[in-house]
Amino acid sequence: MPYLNIQTNVPVADAAVLLGKASSLVADMLGKPESYVLVHLDADVPLIFAGSDAPAAYLQLKSLGLAQDKTADYSLDLCAFMAEMLAIEAGRVYIEFSAPERHMWGWNGATF
């Protein structure tokens, strides 16, 4: 049930390409089937970071069993992705990681 939410002030010309690559990245990073990955994108939204409207992003990565000792690696991978896809510098990306309890994440009429 990995979920990646991307909010950015950068316009995205081809959202389908970005979403597809993000979905693959999350599946590979977490070692989970891509069939469970959900990616959401809010692009070209008003966003100020450090008093500047230069390209920036706020990401949320949620997953059951998210390894706390790997969040630095995930941050590196996600920041590299933002730099590659949207030319956003790593220093202008905030990432929130969370690992909900299985009973707090629903799917298919039940919980995990």
C-alpha atoms as a PDB file:
ATOM      1  CA  MET A   1       0.000   0.000   0.000  1.00  0.00           C
ATOM      2  CA  PRO A   2       2.764   2.475  -0.634  1.00  0.00           C
ATOM      3  CA  TYR A   3       1.441   5.971  -1.262  1.00  0.00           C
ATOM      4  CA  LEU A   4       3.517   8.839  -2.626  1.00  0.00           C
ATOM      5  CA  ASN A   5       2.003  12.309  -2.659  1.00  0.00           C
ATOM      6  CA  ILE A   6       3.873  14.988  -4.610  1.00  0.00           C
ATOM      7  CA  GLN A   7       3.023  18.666  -4.281  1.00  0.00           C
ATOM      8  CA  THR A   8       5.085  21.116  -6.312  1.00  0.00           C
ATOM      9  CA  ASN A   9       4.974  24.621  -7.700  1.00  0.00           C
ATOM     10  CA  VAL A  10       6.526  23.372 -10.946  1.00  0.00           C
ATOM     11  CA  PRO A  11       4.234  22.877 -13.953  1.00  0.00           C
ATOM     12  CA  VAL A  12       4.332  19.299 -15.267  1.00  0.00           C
ATOM     13  CA  ALA A  13       3.958  18.918 -19.022  1.00  0.00           C
ATOM     14  CA  ASP A  14       3.380  15.157 -19.001  1.00  0.00           C
ATOM     15  CA  ALA A  15       1.949  14.050 -15.679  1.00  0.00           C
ATOM     16  CA  ALA A  16       1.441  10.468 -16.896  1.00  0.00           C
ATOM     17  CA  VAL A  17       5.182  10.036 -17.477  1.00  0.00           C
ATOM     18  CA  LEU A  18       6.108  11.483 -14.080  1.00  0.00           C
ATOM     19  CA  LEU A  19       3.472   9.387 -12.299  1.00  0.00           C
ATOM     20  CA  GLY A  20       4.576   6.206 -14.056  1.00  0.00           C
ATOM     21  CA  LYS A  21       8.228   6.740 -13.203  1.00  0.00           C
ATOM     22  CA  ALA A  22       7.373   7.655  -9.611  1.00  0.00           C
ATOM     23  CA  SER A  23       5.281   4.497  -9.254  1.00  0.00           C
ATOM     24  CA  SER A  24       8.138   2.320 -10.495  1.00  0.00           C
ATOM     25  CA  LEU A  25      10.622   4.115  -8.248  1.00  0.00           C
ATOM     26  CA  VAL A  26       8.506   3.608  -5.129  1.00  0.00           C
ATOM     27  CA  ALA A  27       7.959  -0.079  -5.896  1.00  0.00           C
ATOM     28  CA  ASP A  28      11.687  -0.624  -6.483  1.00  0.00           C
ATOM     29  CA  MET A  29      12.742   1.426  -3.454  1.00  0.00           C
ATOM     30  CA  LEU A  30      10.432  -0.402  -1.070  1.00  0.00           C
ATOM     31  CA  GLY A  31      10.597  -3.837  -2.679  1.00  0.00           C
ATOM     32  CA  LYS A  32       6.818  -3.976  -3.007  1.00  0.00           C
ATOM     33  CA  PRO A  33       4.644  -4.897  -5.988  1.00  0.00           C
ATOM     34  CA  GLU A  34       3.815  -1.904  -8.147  1.00  0.00           C
ATOM     35  CA  SER A  35       0.224  -3.154  -8.233  1.00  0.00           C
ATOM     36  CA  TYR A  36      -0.139  -1.746  -4.687  1.00  0.00           C
ATOM     37  CA  VAL A  37       1.542   1.622  -5.304  1.00  0.00           C
ATOM     38  CA  LEU A  38      -0.558   4.798  -5.442  1.00  0.00           C
ATOM     39  CA  VAL A  39       0.976   8.090  -6.576  1.00  0.00           C
ATOM     40  CA  HIS A  40      -0.774  11.460  -6.434  1.00  0.00           C
ATOM     41  CA  LEU A  41       0.477  14.652  -8.046  1.00  0.00           C
ATOM     42  CA  ASP A  42      -0.484  18.265  -7.383  1.00  0.00           C
ATOM     43  CA  ALA A  43       1.560  20.338  -9.812  1.00  0.00           C
ATOM     44  CA  ASP A  44       1.781  24.064 -10.486  1.00  0.00           C
ATOM     45  CA  VAL A  45       0.326  24.918  -7.070  1.00  0.00           C
ATOM     46  CA  PRO A  46       1.239  28.034  -5.076  1.00  0.00           C
ATOM     47  CA  LEU A  47       4.167  27.091  -2.854  1.00  0.00           C
ATOM     48  CA  ILE A  48       6.759  29.155  -1.019  1.00  0.00           C
ATOM     49  CA  PHE A  49       9.852  27.535   0.497  1.00  0.00           C
ATOM     50  CA  ALA A  50      12.362  29.614   2.503  1.00  0.00           C
ATOM     51  CA  GLY A  51      10.656  32.795   1.341  1.00  0.00           C
ATOM     52  CA  SER A  52      11.122  31.940  -2.348  1.00  0.00           C
ATOM     53  CA  ASP A  53       8.815  30.673  -5.056  1.00  0.00           C
ATOM     54  CA  ALA A  54      11.704  28.941  -6.851  1.00  0.00           C
ATOM     55  CA  PRO A  55      11.009  25.287  -7.777  1.00  0.00           C
ATOM     56  CA  ALA A  56      10.188  23.319  -4.634  1.00  0.00           C
ATOM     57  CA  ALA A  57       8.289  20.220  -3.566  1.00  0.00           C
ATOM     58  CA  TYR A  58       6.673  18.586  -0.567  1.00  0.00           C
ATOM     59  CA  LEU A  59       6.444  14.796  -0.669  1.00  0.00           C
ATOM     60  CA  GLN A  60       4.700  12.330   1.597  1.00  0.00           C
ATOM     61  CA  LEU A  61       5.708   8.682   1.475  1.00  0.00           C
ATOM     62  CA  LYS A  62       3.491   6.323   3.450  1.00  0.00           C
ATOM     63  CA  SER A  63       3.833   2.570   3.550  1.00  0.00           C
ATOM     64  CA  LEU A  64       3.099  -0.314   5.855  1.00  0.00           C
ATOM     65  CA  GLY A  65       6.345  -1.460   7.426  1.00  0.00           C
ATOM     66  CA  LEU A  66       8.333   1.538   6.187  1.00  0.00           C
ATOM     67  CA  ALA A  67      11.871   0.907   7.404  1.00  0.00           C
ATOM     68  CA  GLN A  68      12.931   3.806   9.637  1.00  0.00           C
ATOM     69  CA  ASP A  69      16.594   2.985   9.117  1.00  0.00           C
ATOM     70  CA  LYS A  70      16.190   3.466   5.340  1.00  0.00           C
ATOM     71  CA  THR A  71      14.504   6.865   5.268  1.00  0.00           C
ATOM     72  CA  ALA A  72      17.807   8.613   4.496  1.00  0.00           C
ATOM     73  CA  ASP A  73      18.215   6.331   1.455  1.00  0.00           C
ATOM     74  CA  TYR A  74      14.612   6.984   0.409  1.00  0.00           C
ATOM     75  CA  SER A  75      15.211  10.727   0.775  1.00  0.00           C
ATOM     76  CA  LEU A  76      18.270  10.518  -1.458  1.00  0.00           C
ATOM     77  CA  ASP A  77      16.349   8.577  -4.119  1.00  0.00           C
ATOM     78  CA  LEU A  78      13.292  10.827  -4.027  1.00  0.00           C
ATOM     79  CA  CYS A  79      15.357  14.024  -4.137  1.00  0.00           C
ATOM     80  CA  ALA A  80      17.318  12.670  -7.112  1.00  0.00           C
ATOM     81  CA  PHE A  81      14.004  11.880  -8.791  1.00  0.00           C
ATOM     82  CA  MET A  82      12.711  15.424  -8.215  1.00  0.00           C
ATOM     83  CA  ALA A  83      15.955  16.854  -9.596  1.00  0.00           C
ATOM     84  CA  GLU A  84      15.834  14.624 -12.672  1.00  0.00           C
ATOM     85  CA  MET A  85      12.143  15.025 -13.464  1.00  0.00           C
ATOM     86  CA  LEU A  86      11.433  18.620 -12.387  1.00  0.00           C
ATOM     87  CA  ALA A  87      14.840  20.273 -11.874  1.00  0.00           C
ATOM     88  CA  ILE A  88      14.122  20.799  -8.169  1.00  0.00           C
ATOM     89  CA  GLU A  89      17.234  20.990  -6.007  1.00  0.00           C
ATOM     90  CA  ALA A  90      17.402  18.565  -3.071  1.00  0.00           C
ATOM     91  CA  GLY A  91      17.572  21.481  -0.644  1.00  0.00           C
ATOM     92  CA  ARG A  92      14.116  22.589  -1.788  1.00  0.00           C
ATOM     93  CA  VAL A  93      12.364  19.281  -1.123  1.00  0.00           C
ATOM     94  CA  TYR A  94      10.729  18.307   2.154  1.00  0.00           C
ATOM     95  CA  ILE A  95       9.694  14.680   2.605  1.00  0.00           C
ATOM     96  CA  GLU A  96       7.394  13.321   5.284  1.00  0.00           C
ATOM     97  CA  PHE A  97       7.683   9.587   5.963  1.00  0.00           C
ATOM     98  CA  SER A  98       5.066   7.576   7.800  1.00  0.00           C
ATOM     99  CA  ALA A  99       4.314   3.941   8.526  1.00  0.00           C
ATOM    100  CA  PRO A 100       0.686   3.510   9.579  1.00  0.00           C
ATOM    101  CA  GLU A 101      -0.434   0.494  11.550  1.00  0.00           C
ATOM    102  CA  ARG A 102      -1.993  -2.197   9.348  1.00  0.00           C
ATOM    103  CA  HIS A 103      -5.440  -1.683  10.861  1.00  0.00           C
ATOM    104  CA  MET A 104      -5.243   2.023   9.992  1.00  0.00           C
ATOM    105  CA  TRP A 105      -5.015   1.462   6.230  1.00  0.00           C
ATOM    106  CA  GLY A 106      -8.052   0.225   4.340  1.00  0.00           C
ATOM    107  CA  TRP A 107      -8.335  -1.394   0.927  1.00  0.00           C
ATOM    108  CA  ASN A 108     -10.801  -3.574  -0.913  1.00  0.00           C
ATOM    109  CA  GLY A 109     -13.450  -3.324   1.809  1.00  0.00           C
ATOM    110  CA  ALA A 110     -11.093  -4.371   4.590  1.00  0.00           C
ATOM    111  CA  THR A 111      -7.840  -3.344   6.239  1.00  0.00           C
ATOM    112  CA  PHE A 112      -4.368  -4.743   5.873  1.00  0.00           C
END
